[in-house]
């Protein structure tokens, strides 16, 4: 009977995976309800727990775009939970693995390669590496091939400390004090926000760094040994979130300065360089806490989508404010949309919560190709998902009698193209797949598809290169079994 139940569960799981919705249709709108929840079984409870399906202060969330798996930084349980690509879409589902703890019912903190102390942010880079901001241990951990790690697996690398058993504060190029937000850009640079040192560190070619390696650059401070707080275009006060957009702009959210600042061409900035723009405040010398359309309070997170919108996780107002075409906005511009509140002048957390509300949200992640916004709703001990039409829409054609014999990635048409072209693909077997565009330097330009591709279906994708220079670009189809790459030519 037990084996029969296991086979039945496996069959139901396969059916769920095959019917997994890849794209949603709803446009972004004010106060729209979330479409899914993890950590709770519904949208109106906010209980805490330390099981595979419960959380205690969910602070960080990220998707591995190579596998579709979801990672959650479960702060007060001193762990990171991992959900399968199918389970992440099911309300209240259980995680498939946990890192930082030996099992899914233990939550003690520790200092080693297998333990964590209040992890608060995470990110999975294009190589499938999970980076974890281990806040209490003053370090950043690296887990190679994170989607395949077993429960309790050891980290593979550490920055901010010389080894896995040291936890000392410092203000140098090799030490960290209270790590918060992190992000790995398309060139493999790791950006780390440090709350207590009031700065953002840059590690070039981060995945190849030895344990305890020094940072290559710093913003928010004039050098690596200064850590004072400040309010200007060159200073920061408790930075919490970092994000790098496709144009190479670094966005930094500041908790105490109640703002997000922008650094254009950030990787080329010298140490201590001034920011180029600010949102949430009218200028670089104001930090008023506000609940308005152009003012914010305690901005803990920042993220952008494929349409150039910027999202500020306005923790103090229990909301997310959204700015269209953010890179071109003037300082102090008005937001265009709000999530978590009915309007721009309300900032209270609801108890009990709803599908439309947040309670002190801390960070977010956007999966453009899957049209999903994920929010770590810390005060409600949950992660919520919004199905929003933000990325590329796939046209799906059922092949049925023309089942492809194997991997099938078409040559784009037209080719050469200007400014847009179409790409089609099909898989022999149902699998999680991604279609990604790169330039010849290997830098990721866009993810056109990220989700479960059903057998017998052909997917047609549209790629627009409006803001790109002429040249050769590569596009790659990857799934769990193999990959295929083709070239296309943009001629202006």
Protein backbone atom coordinates (compact mmCIF):
# COMPACT_ATOMS: atom_id res chain seq x y z
CA UNK A 1 0.00 0.00 0.00
CA UNK A 2 2.87 2.34 0.83
CA UNK A 3 4.54 1.78 -2.59
CA UNK A 4 1.21 2.28 -4.33
CA UNK A 5 0.81 5.64 -2.57
CA UNK A 6 4.29 6.68 -3.62
CA UNK A 7 3.56 5.80 -7.25
CA UNK A 8 0.26 7.68 -7.11
CA UNK A 9 1.98 10.75 -5.66
CA UNK A 10 4.68 10.59 -8.35
CA UNK A 11 2.03 10.39 -11.06
CA UNK A 12 0.12 13.34 -9.65
CA UNK A 13 3.37 15.31 -9.38
CA UNK A 14 4.18 14.63 -13.05
CA UNK A 15 0.70 15.74 -14.10
CA UNK A 16 1.11 18.94 -12.07
CA UNK A 17 4.47 19.63 -13.71
CA UNK A 18 3.10 19.03 -17.21
CA UNK A 19 0.21 21.44 -16.62
CA UNK A 20 2.42 24.06 -15.00
CA UNK A 21 1.35 27.54 -16.24
CA UNK A 22 4.28 29.24 -17.95
CA UNK A 23 2.79 32.66 -18.71
CA UNK A 24 0.14 34.75 -17.00
CA UNK A 25 -2.06 37.33 -18.66
CA UNK A 26 -2.88 39.93 -16.00
CA UNK A 27 -1.32 43.38 -16.51
CA UNK A 28 0.35 45.13 -13.60
CA UNK A 29 -2.28 47.14 -11.69
CA UNK A 30 -2.58 49.00 -8.40
CA UNK A 31 -3.30 46.86 -5.34
CA UNK A 32 -3.65 43.70 -7.45
CA UNK A 33 -3.97 40.45 -5.47
CA UNK A 34 -1.23 37.86 -5.28
CA UNK A 35 -1.78 34.62 -7.18
CA UNK A 36 0.05 32.22 -4.88
CA UNK A 37 1.63 31.83 -1.44
CA UNK A 38 4.33 29.73 0.23
CA UNK A 39 4.91 29.47 3.98
CA UNK A 40 1.16 29.61 4.61
CA UNK A 41 -1.71 27.50 3.31
CA UNK A 42 -3.79 30.57 2.45
CA UNK A 43 -3.63 34.36 2.26
CA UNK A 44 -5.22 35.16 5.64
CA UNK A 45 -2.91 33.33 8.09
CA UNK A 46 0.50 34.48 9.30
CA UNK A 47 1.65 31.73 11.69
CA UNK A 48 5.32 30.91 12.21
CA UNK A 49 6.90 27.48 12.00
CA UNK A 50 10.08 25.53 11.31
CA UNK A 51 8.87 22.77 9.01
CA UNK A 52 9.37 22.20 5.28
CA UNK A 53 6.19 24.17 4.54
CA UNK A 54 6.36 26.96 7.15
CA UNK A 55 8.60 29.99 7.68
CA UNK A 56 9.62 32.49 10.33
CA UNK A 57 10.43 35.92 8.90
CA UNK A 58 10.95 35.25 5.19
CA UNK A 59 13.52 37.87 4.20
CA UNK A 60 14.86 36.86 0.80
CA UNK A 61 13.64 35.12 -2.35
CA UNK A 62 15.27 34.12 -5.64
CA UNK A 63 14.66 31.81 -8.61
CA UNK A 64 17.32 29.70 -10.29
CA UNK A 65 16.50 30.56 -13.90
CA UNK A 66 18.39 27.48 -15.12
CA UNK A 67 16.07 25.07 -13.25
CA UNK A 68 13.04 27.10 -12.16
CA UNK A 69 13.61 26.21 -8.51
CA UNK A 70 12.81 28.80 -5.83
CA UNK A 71 15.04 29.66 -2.85
CA UNK A 72 13.84 31.45 0.32
CA UNK A 73 15.99 32.99 3.05
CA UNK A 74 14.09 31.99 6.21
CA UNK A 75 15.76 34.44 8.55
CA UNK A 76 14.67 33.41 12.06
CA UNK A 77 15.00 29.72 11.23
CA UNK A 78 18.63 30.29 10.17
CA UNK A 79 18.18 28.45 6.88
CA UNK A 80 17.47 28.59 3.16
CA UNK A 81 14.55 26.59 1.77
CA UNK A 82 14.46 25.26 -1.81
CA UNK A 83 11.19 24.55 -3.65
CA UNK A 84 10.96 22.59 -6.89
CA UNK A 85 9.78 24.38 -10.04
CA UNK A 86 6.37 22.68 -9.74
CA UNK A 87 5.97 22.94 -5.95
CA UNK A 88 6.64 26.68 -5.94
CA UNK A 89 3.34 27.12 -7.83
CA UNK A 90 1.25 25.24 -5.23
CA UNK A 91 -0.01 27.17 -2.19
CA UNK A 92 1.49 25.96 1.07
CA UNK A 93 3.67 23.31 -0.53
CA UNK A 94 6.73 21.84 1.16
CA UNK A 95 10.33 22.62 0.31
CA UNK A 96 12.35 19.82 -1.25
CA UNK A 97 15.60 20.69 0.54
CA UNK A 98 17.08 22.98 3.18
CA UNK A 99 20.53 24.56 3.50
CA UNK A 100 22.00 25.83 6.77
CA UNK A 101 20.34 23.08 8.80
CA UNK A 102 20.70 19.26 8.88
CA UNK A 103 16.95 18.78 8.46
CA UNK A 104 13.71 20.74 8.05
CA UNK A 105 12.82 20.86 11.77
CA UNK A 106 16.04 22.30 13.20
CA UNK A 107 16.67 26.05 13.34
CA UNK A 108 19.70 26.71 15.55
CA UNK A 109 22.26 29.25 14.35
CA UNK A 110 25.93 28.39 13.92
CA UNK A 111 29.24 29.31 12.32
CA UNK A 112 30.52 26.66 9.88
CA UNK A 113 30.20 25.64 6.23
CA UNK A 114 26.91 23.88 6.99
CA UNK A 115 25.30 26.42 9.34
CA UNK A 116 23.92 29.96 9.03
CA UNK A 117 23.07 32.85 11.33
CA UNK A 118 20.07 34.94 10.21
CA UNK A 119 20.45 34.71 6.41
CA UNK A 120 18.52 37.56 4.84
CA UNK A 121 19.20 37.76 1.09
CA UNK A 122 20.15 35.42 -1.72
CA UNK A 123 20.70 35.25 -5.45
CA UNK A 124 21.30 32.50 -8.01
CA UNK A 125 23.64 33.49 -10.84
CA UNK A 126 23.60 32.28 -14.45
CA UNK A 127 25.90 29.39 -13.55
CA UNK A 128 23.46 28.01 -10.99
CA UNK A 129 25.47 29.23 -7.98
CA UNK A 130 23.53 30.30 -4.92
CA UNK A 131 24.94 33.29 -3.05
CA UNK A 132 23.64 33.82 0.51
CA UNK A 133 23.98 36.93 2.64
CA UNK A 134 24.65 35.33 6.04
CA UNK A 135 23.93 38.50 8.00
CA UNK A 136 24.71 37.35 11.55
CA UNK A 137 27.95 35.69 10.48
CA UNK A 138 29.09 38.80 8.56
CA UNK A 139 29.77 36.93 5.35
CA UNK A 140 28.53 35.79 1.94
CA UNK A 141 28.33 32.06 1.24
CA UNK A 142 28.55 30.40 -2.18
CA UNK A 143 26.87 27.08 -3.07
CA UNK A 144 27.82 25.58 -6.43
CA UNK A 145 25.09 23.79 -8.43
CA UNK A 146 22.65 24.84 -5.72
CA UNK A 147 19.53 23.33 -7.28
CA UNK A 148 21.05 19.86 -6.88
CA UNK A 149 22.40 20.26 -3.32
CA UNK A 150 21.05 17.86 -0.72
CA UNK A 151 19.70 18.98 2.64
CA UNK A 152 22.46 20.20 4.96
CA UNK A 153 25.09 20.42 2.21
CA UNK A 154 28.17 22.52 2.89
CA UNK A 155 28.89 25.84 1.23
CA UNK A 156 31.68 25.86 -1.36
CA UNK A 157 33.06 29.31 -0.73
CA UNK A 158 32.97 32.34 1.55
CA UNK A 159 33.66 36.07 1.22
CA UNK A 160 33.84 38.60 4.05
CA UNK A 161 35.67 36.16 6.32
CA UNK A 162 38.94 34.23 5.77
CA UNK A 163 37.30 30.85 6.43
CA UNK A 164 34.04 29.18 7.48
CA UNK A 165 34.66 29.37 11.25
CA UNK A 166 35.54 33.06 11.70
CA UNK A 167 32.96 35.74 12.47
CA UNK A 168 34.61 39.08 13.19
CA UNK A 169 33.47 42.51 12.10
CA UNK A 170 35.77 44.64 10.00
CA UNK A 171 36.03 47.60 7.65
CA UNK A 172 38.55 46.49 5.05
CA UNK A 173 38.44 45.21 1.46
CA UNK A 174 38.31 41.63 2.75
CA UNK A 175 36.00 41.96 5.77
CA UNK A 176 32.28 42.61 6.11
CA UNK A 177 29.94 43.77 8.86
CA UNK A 178 26.25 42.86 8.56
CA UNK A 179 25.85 41.86 4.91
CA UNK A 180 22.47 42.59 3.36
CA UNK A 181 21.57 42.70 -0.36
CA UNK A 182 23.54 40.96 -3.08
CA UNK A 183 23.39 40.58 -6.85
CA UNK A 184 25.55 38.99 -9.56
CA UNK A 185 25.49 40.88 -12.85
CA UNK A 186 25.81 39.46 -16.37
CA UNK A 187 29.61 39.77 -16.24
CA UNK A 188 29.93 37.73 -13.05
CA UNK A 189 30.50 40.68 -10.72
CA UNK A 190 29.11 40.22 -7.22
CA UNK A 191 27.68 43.35 -5.59
CA UNK A 192 27.22 43.21 -1.80
CA UNK A 193 25.45 45.80 0.36
CA UNK A 194 26.82 46.17 3.88
CA UNK A 195 24.41 47.74 6.33
CA UNK A 196 26.79 48.61 9.17
CA UNK A 197 29.67 49.75 6.94
CA UNK A 198 27.26 51.89 4.88
CA UNK A 199 28.70 50.76 1.56
CA UNK A 200 28.40 48.48 -1.47
CA UNK A 201 31.33 46.23 -2.37
CA UNK A 202 32.13 44.94 -5.87
CA UNK A 203 33.85 41.58 -6.46
CA UNK A 204 34.94 41.04 -10.07
CA UNK A 205 34.76 37.46 -11.38
CA UNK A 206 33.37 36.52 -8.00
CA UNK A 207 32.89 32.80 -8.60
CA UNK A 208 36.65 32.37 -9.05
CA UNK A 209 37.60 34.25 -5.88
CA UNK A 210 39.40 32.39 -3.11
CA UNK A 211 37.86 32.34 0.36
CA UNK A 212 38.28 35.70 2.07
CA UNK A 213 39.36 37.50 -1.12
CA UNK A 214 39.34 41.28 -1.21
CA UNK A 215 36.72 43.34 -3.00
CA UNK A 216 37.69 45.19 -6.18
CA UNK A 217 35.63 48.33 -5.65
CA UNK A 218 33.49 50.25 -3.17
CA UNK A 219 30.67 52.80 -3.41
CA UNK A 220 29.21 54.78 -0.54
CA UNK A 221 32.64 55.29 1.00
CA UNK A 222 35.82 56.97 -0.34
CA UNK A 223 37.92 53.88 0.47
CA UNK A 224 37.81 50.41 2.05
CA UNK A 225 38.59 51.53 5.61
CA UNK A 226 35.86 54.14 6.10
CA UNK A 227 32.40 53.08 7.22
CA UNK A 228 30.63 56.22 8.41
CA UNK A 229 27.00 56.95 7.57
CA UNK A 230 25.96 59.97 5.51
CA UNK A 231 23.35 61.68 3.37
CA UNK A 232 24.70 62.81 0.00
CA UNK A 233 25.36 61.54 -3.53
CA UNK A 234 28.56 59.84 -2.32
CA UNK A 235 27.41 58.48 1.06
CA UNK A 236 24.88 55.88 2.22
CA UNK A 237 22.97 55.04 5.38
CA UNK A 238 22.26 51.34 5.88
CA UNK A 239 22.02 50.10 2.29
CA UNK A 240 19.84 46.99 2.08
CA UNK A 241 19.16 46.06 -1.55
CA UNK A 242 21.17 46.04 -4.79
CA UNK A 243 20.16 45.43 -8.40
CA UNK A 244 21.98 45.87 -11.73
CA UNK A 245 19.85 46.46 -14.82
CA UNK A 246 20.65 45.47 -18.42
CA UNK A 247 22.22 48.89 -19.00
CA UNK A 248 24.80 48.31 -16.26
CA UNK A 249 23.15 50.71 -13.82
CA UNK A 250 23.49 49.81 -10.15
CA UNK A 251 20.46 50.60 -8.00
CA UNK A 252 20.90 50.68 -4.21
CA UNK A 253 18.05 50.90 -1.69
CA UNK A 254 18.80 52.60 1.63
CA UNK A 255 16.89 51.85 4.80
CA UNK A 256 17.75 54.93 6.86
CA UNK A 257 17.92 57.41 3.95
CA UNK A 258 14.50 56.22 2.72
CA UNK A 259 15.52 56.17 -0.94
CA UNK A 260 17.01 54.32 -3.90
CA UNK A 261 20.06 55.74 -5.65
CA UNK A 262 21.33 55.00 -9.17
CA UNK A 263 24.92 54.61 -10.39
CA UNK A 264 25.25 54.68 -14.19
CA UNK A 265 27.92 52.42 -15.72
CA UNK A 266 28.57 51.26 -12.18
CA UNK A 267 31.31 48.73 -12.89
CA UNK A 268 33.54 51.50 -14.24
CA UNK A 269 32.99 53.90 -11.34
CA UNK A 270 36.02 54.71 -9.18
CA UNK A 271 35.82 54.11 -5.45
CA UNK A 272 33.56 56.59 -3.72
CA UNK A 273 31.97 57.89 -6.93
CA UNK A 274 28.76 59.91 -6.73
CA UNK A 275 25.35 58.47 -7.58
CA UNK A 276 23.67 59.75 -10.74
CA UNK A 277 20.03 59.72 -9.64
CA UNK A 278 17.64 59.22 -6.75
CA UNK A 279 14.04 58.03 -6.30
CA UNK A 280 11.96 58.24 -3.14
CA UNK A 281 13.46 61.64 -2.27
CA UNK A 282 13.55 64.95 -4.20
CA UNK A 283 17.35 65.24 -3.98
CA UNK A 284 20.50 63.70 -2.47
CA UNK A 285 20.35 65.68 0.80
CA UNK A 286 16.82 64.84 1.94
CA UNK A 287 15.75 61.62 3.67
CA UNK A 288 12.23 62.30 4.95
CA UNK A 289 10.06 59.27 5.69
CA UNK A 290 6.99 59.70 3.46
CA UNK A 291 3.85 57.85 2.42
CA UNK A 292 3.26 59.55 -0.91
CA UNK A 293 3.53 58.88 -4.64
CA UNK A 294 7.09 60.21 -4.77
CA UNK A 295 8.22 59.56 -1.19
CA UNK A 296 9.19 56.34 0.59
CA UNK A 297 10.20 55.01 3.99
CA UNK A 298 12.74 52.34 4.99
CA UNK A 299 13.41 51.06 1.47
CA UNK A 300 14.68 47.52 2.02
CA UNK A 301 14.66 46.14 -1.52
CA UNK A 302 15.04 47.18 -5.15
CA UNK A 303 14.50 45.22 -8.37
CA UNK A 304 13.78 45.84 -12.05
CA UNK A 305 11.87 44.04 -14.78
CA UNK A 306 12.45 43.50 -18.47
CA UNK A 307 10.33 46.51 -19.40
CA UNK A 308 12.52 49.01 -17.59
CA UNK A 309 10.32 49.34 -14.53
CA UNK A 310 11.92 49.72 -11.10
CA UNK A 311 10.29 48.27 -7.97
CA UNK A 312 11.10 49.64 -4.51
CA UNK A 313 10.25 47.43 -1.53
CA UNK A 314 9.00 50.16 0.80
CA UNK A 315 9.06 48.19 4.06
CA UNK A 316 8.10 51.08 6.31
CA UNK A 317 4.89 51.56 4.34
CA UNK A 318 4.21 47.83 3.80
CA UNK A 319 4.08 48.29 0.05
CA UNK A 320 5.98 48.11 -3.23
CA UNK A 321 6.05 51.19 -5.46
CA UNK A 322 6.74 50.86 -9.18
CA UNK A 323 8.40 53.39 -11.51
CA UNK A 324 8.03 53.06 -15.29
CA UNK A 325 11.11 53.74 -17.45
CA UNK A 326 13.06 54.30 -14.26
CA UNK A 327 16.47 54.96 -15.80
CA UNK A 328 15.20 58.07 -17.53
CA UNK A 329 13.28 59.59 -14.62
CA UNK A 330 14.19 62.84 -12.93
CA UNK A 331 15.16 62.84 -9.25
CA UNK A 332 12.12 62.50 -6.99
CA UNK A 333 9.74 61.41 -9.77
CA UNK A 334 6.31 59.99 -9.01
CA UNK A 335 5.73 56.23 -8.91
CA UNK A 336 3.26 54.79 -11.42
CA UNK A 337 1.87 51.83 -9.48
CA UNK A 338 1.60 50.49 -5.95
CA UNK A 339 1.25 46.94 -4.62
CA UNK A 340 0.18 46.02 -1.10
CA UNK A 341 -1.85 49.19 -0.46
CA UNK A 342 -5.09 50.60 -1.95
CA UNK A 343 -3.43 53.95 -2.78
CA UNK A 344 -0.22 55.97 -2.42
CA UNK A 345 -1.15 57.54 0.91
CA UNK A 346 -1.88 54.40 2.94
CA UNK A 347 0.96 52.56 4.65
CA UNK A 348 -0.49 50.28 7.31
CA UNK A 349 -0.03 46.51 7.57
CA UNK A 350 -3.26 44.52 7.76
CA UNK A 351 -3.89 41.89 10.43
CA UNK A 352 -5.09 39.41 9.36
CA UNK A 353 -3.36 39.71 6.01
CA UNK A 354 -5.00 39.35 2.60
CA UNK A 355 -3.90 38.51 -0.95
CA UNK A 356 -3.63 42.29 -1.56
CA UNK A 357 -1.57 43.24 1.49
CA UNK A 358 1.97 43.05 2.88
CA UNK A 359 3.36 43.32 6.40
CA UNK A 360 6.84 44.83 6.26
CA UNK A 361 7.99 43.19 2.99
CA UNK A 362 11.75 42.96 2.72
CA UNK A 363 12.83 41.93 -0.77
CA UNK A 364 11.63 40.62 -4.12
CA UNK A 365 12.63 38.81 -7.30
CA UNK A 366 11.23 39.09 -10.83
CA UNK A 367 11.21 36.17 -13.28
CA UNK A 368 10.61 38.08 -16.51
CA UNK A 369 10.23 35.10 -18.82
CA UNK A 370 7.75 33.34 -16.53
CA UNK A 371 5.89 36.59 -15.82
CA UNK A 372 6.16 36.16 -12.06
CA UNK A 373 6.90 38.60 -9.25
CA UNK A 374 7.99 36.98 -5.98
CA UNK A 375 7.89 38.98 -2.72
CA UNK A 376 9.39 38.01 0.64
CA UNK A 377 6.59 39.23 2.91
CA UNK A 378 8.59 39.07 6.14
CA UNK A 379 5.96 40.20 8.66
CA UNK A 380 3.47 37.65 7.35
CA UNK A 381 6.02 34.81 7.36
CA UNK A 382 5.39 34.03 3.71
CA UNK A 383 6.44 34.46 0.12
CA UNK A 384 3.76 35.60 -2.30
CA UNK A 385 3.65 35.32 -6.08
CA UNK A 386 2.07 37.72 -8.56
CA UNK A 387 1.33 36.44 -12.06
CA UNK A 388 1.86 39.58 -14.13
CA UNK A 389 2.44 40.10 -17.85
CA UNK A 390 5.91 41.63 -17.65
CA UNK A 391 8.07 39.56 -19.98
CA UNK A 392 7.84 38.01 -23.42
CA UNK A 393 4.63 36.28 -24.42
CA UNK A 394 5.05 32.88 -26.05
CA UNK A 395 2.70 31.74 -28.80
CA UNK A 396 2.15 28.01 -28.22
CA UNK A 397 1.16 25.67 -31.06
CA UNK A 398 0.30 22.02 -30.37
CA UNK A 399 2.11 19.68 -32.75
CA UNK A 400 0.46 16.39 -31.61
CA UNK A 401 0.95 14.20 -34.68
CA UNK A 402 4.22 15.96 -35.51
CA UNK A 403 6.03 15.19 -32.27
CA UNK A 404 9.64 16.44 -32.64
CA UNK A 405 12.29 13.76 -32.59
CA UNK A 406 14.57 15.68 -30.27
CA UNK A 407 15.79 19.11 -29.34
CA UNK A 408 14.56 21.66 -31.85
CA UNK A 409 15.73 25.27 -31.87
CA UNK A 410 14.94 27.20 -35.02
CA UNK A 411 17.06 29.75 -36.79
CA UNK A 412 15.55 33.13 -36.01
CA UNK A 413 13.48 34.82 -38.71
CA UNK A 414 14.12 37.28 -40.20
CA UNK A 415 17.88 37.09 -40.02
CA UNK A 416 19.55 39.60 -40.29
CA UNK A 417 16.90 41.57 -38.38
CA UNK A 418 16.09 45.11 -37.23
CA UNK A 419 14.84 45.62 -34.59
CA UNK A 420 12.86 42.43 -33.84
CA UNK A 421 12.89 38.76 -34.79
CA UNK A 422 11.15 35.51 -33.83
CA UNK A 423 12.60 32.28 -32.42
CA UNK A 424 10.78 28.95 -32.14
CA UNK A 425 11.64 25.79 -30.22
CA UNK A 426 10.15 22.44 -29.24
CA UNK A 427 11.14 19.60 -26.92
CA UNK A 428 10.66 15.86 -27.31
CA UNK A 429 9.95 15.42 -23.60
CA UNK A 430 8.30 17.75 -21.10
CA UNK A 431 11.05 19.57 -19.21
CA UNK A 432 12.03 22.86 -17.63
CA UNK A 433 13.66 24.98 -20.33
CA UNK A 434 15.19 28.41 -20.83
CA UNK A 435 15.87 30.44 -23.96
CA UNK A 436 18.45 33.16 -23.34
CA UNK A 437 20.11 35.78 -25.55
CA UNK A 438 23.79 36.69 -25.08
CA UNK A 439 26.25 39.05 -26.72
CA UNK A 440 29.63 37.79 -27.98
CA UNK A 441 31.22 38.59 -24.60
CA UNK A 442 28.92 36.07 -23.00
CA UNK A 443 26.89 38.71 -21.21
CA UNK A 444 23.21 37.87 -20.80
CA UNK A 445 20.96 40.25 -22.74
CA UNK A 446 17.51 38.76 -22.14
CA UNK A 447 15.75 35.61 -21.01
CA UNK A 448 12.95 34.97 -23.49
CA UNK A 449 11.57 31.82 -21.89
CA UNK A 450 11.89 30.22 -18.46
CA UNK A 451 9.42 27.53 -17.50
CA UNK A 452 8.12 24.05 -18.20
CA UNK A 453 7.87 23.35 -21.95
CA UNK A 454 5.37 20.65 -22.77
CA UNK A 455 6.11 17.87 -25.23
CA UNK A 456 4.18 18.21 -28.51
CA UNK A 457 4.11 22.01 -28.20
CA UNK A 458 6.06 24.47 -30.32
CA UNK A 459 6.87 27.82 -28.67
CA UNK A 460 7.29 31.00 -30.71
CA UNK A 461 9.13 33.86 -29.00
CA UNK A 462 9.66 37.46 -30.05
CA UNK A 463 12.94 39.26 -29.37
CA UNK A 464 13.25 43.04 -29.65
CA UNK A 465 16.70 44.63 -29.91
CA UNK A 466 15.53 48.25 -29.93
CA UNK A 467 18.25 49.47 -27.56
CA UNK A 468 21.09 47.22 -28.72
CA UNK A 469 23.95 47.98 -31.13
CA UNK A 470 24.44 46.16 -34.43
CA UNK A 471 26.33 42.91 -34.24
CA UNK A 472 26.18 39.15 -33.78
CA UNK A 473 24.18 37.76 -30.85
CA UNK A 474 23.81 34.21 -29.56
CA UNK A 475 20.65 32.54 -28.31
CA UNK A 476 20.63 29.30 -26.34
CA UNK A 477 17.99 26.71 -25.55
CA UNK A 478 18.72 24.73 -22.38
CA UNK A 479 16.80 21.96 -20.64
CA UNK A 480 17.64 19.20 -18.18
CA UNK A 481 19.27 16.99 -20.82
CA UNK A 482 21.21 19.11 -23.33
CA UNK A 483 21.50 22.51 -24.99
CA UNK A 484 21.68 24.15 -28.41
CA UNK A 485 23.01 27.56 -29.47
CA UNK A 486 22.54 29.58 -32.67
CA UNK A 487 23.71 32.96 -33.96
CA UNK A 488 21.66 35.89 -35.20
CA UNK A 489 22.69 39.19 -36.77
CA UNK A 490 21.30 42.62 -35.87
CA UNK A 491 21.85 45.14 -38.70
CA UNK A 492 20.83 48.77 -38.28
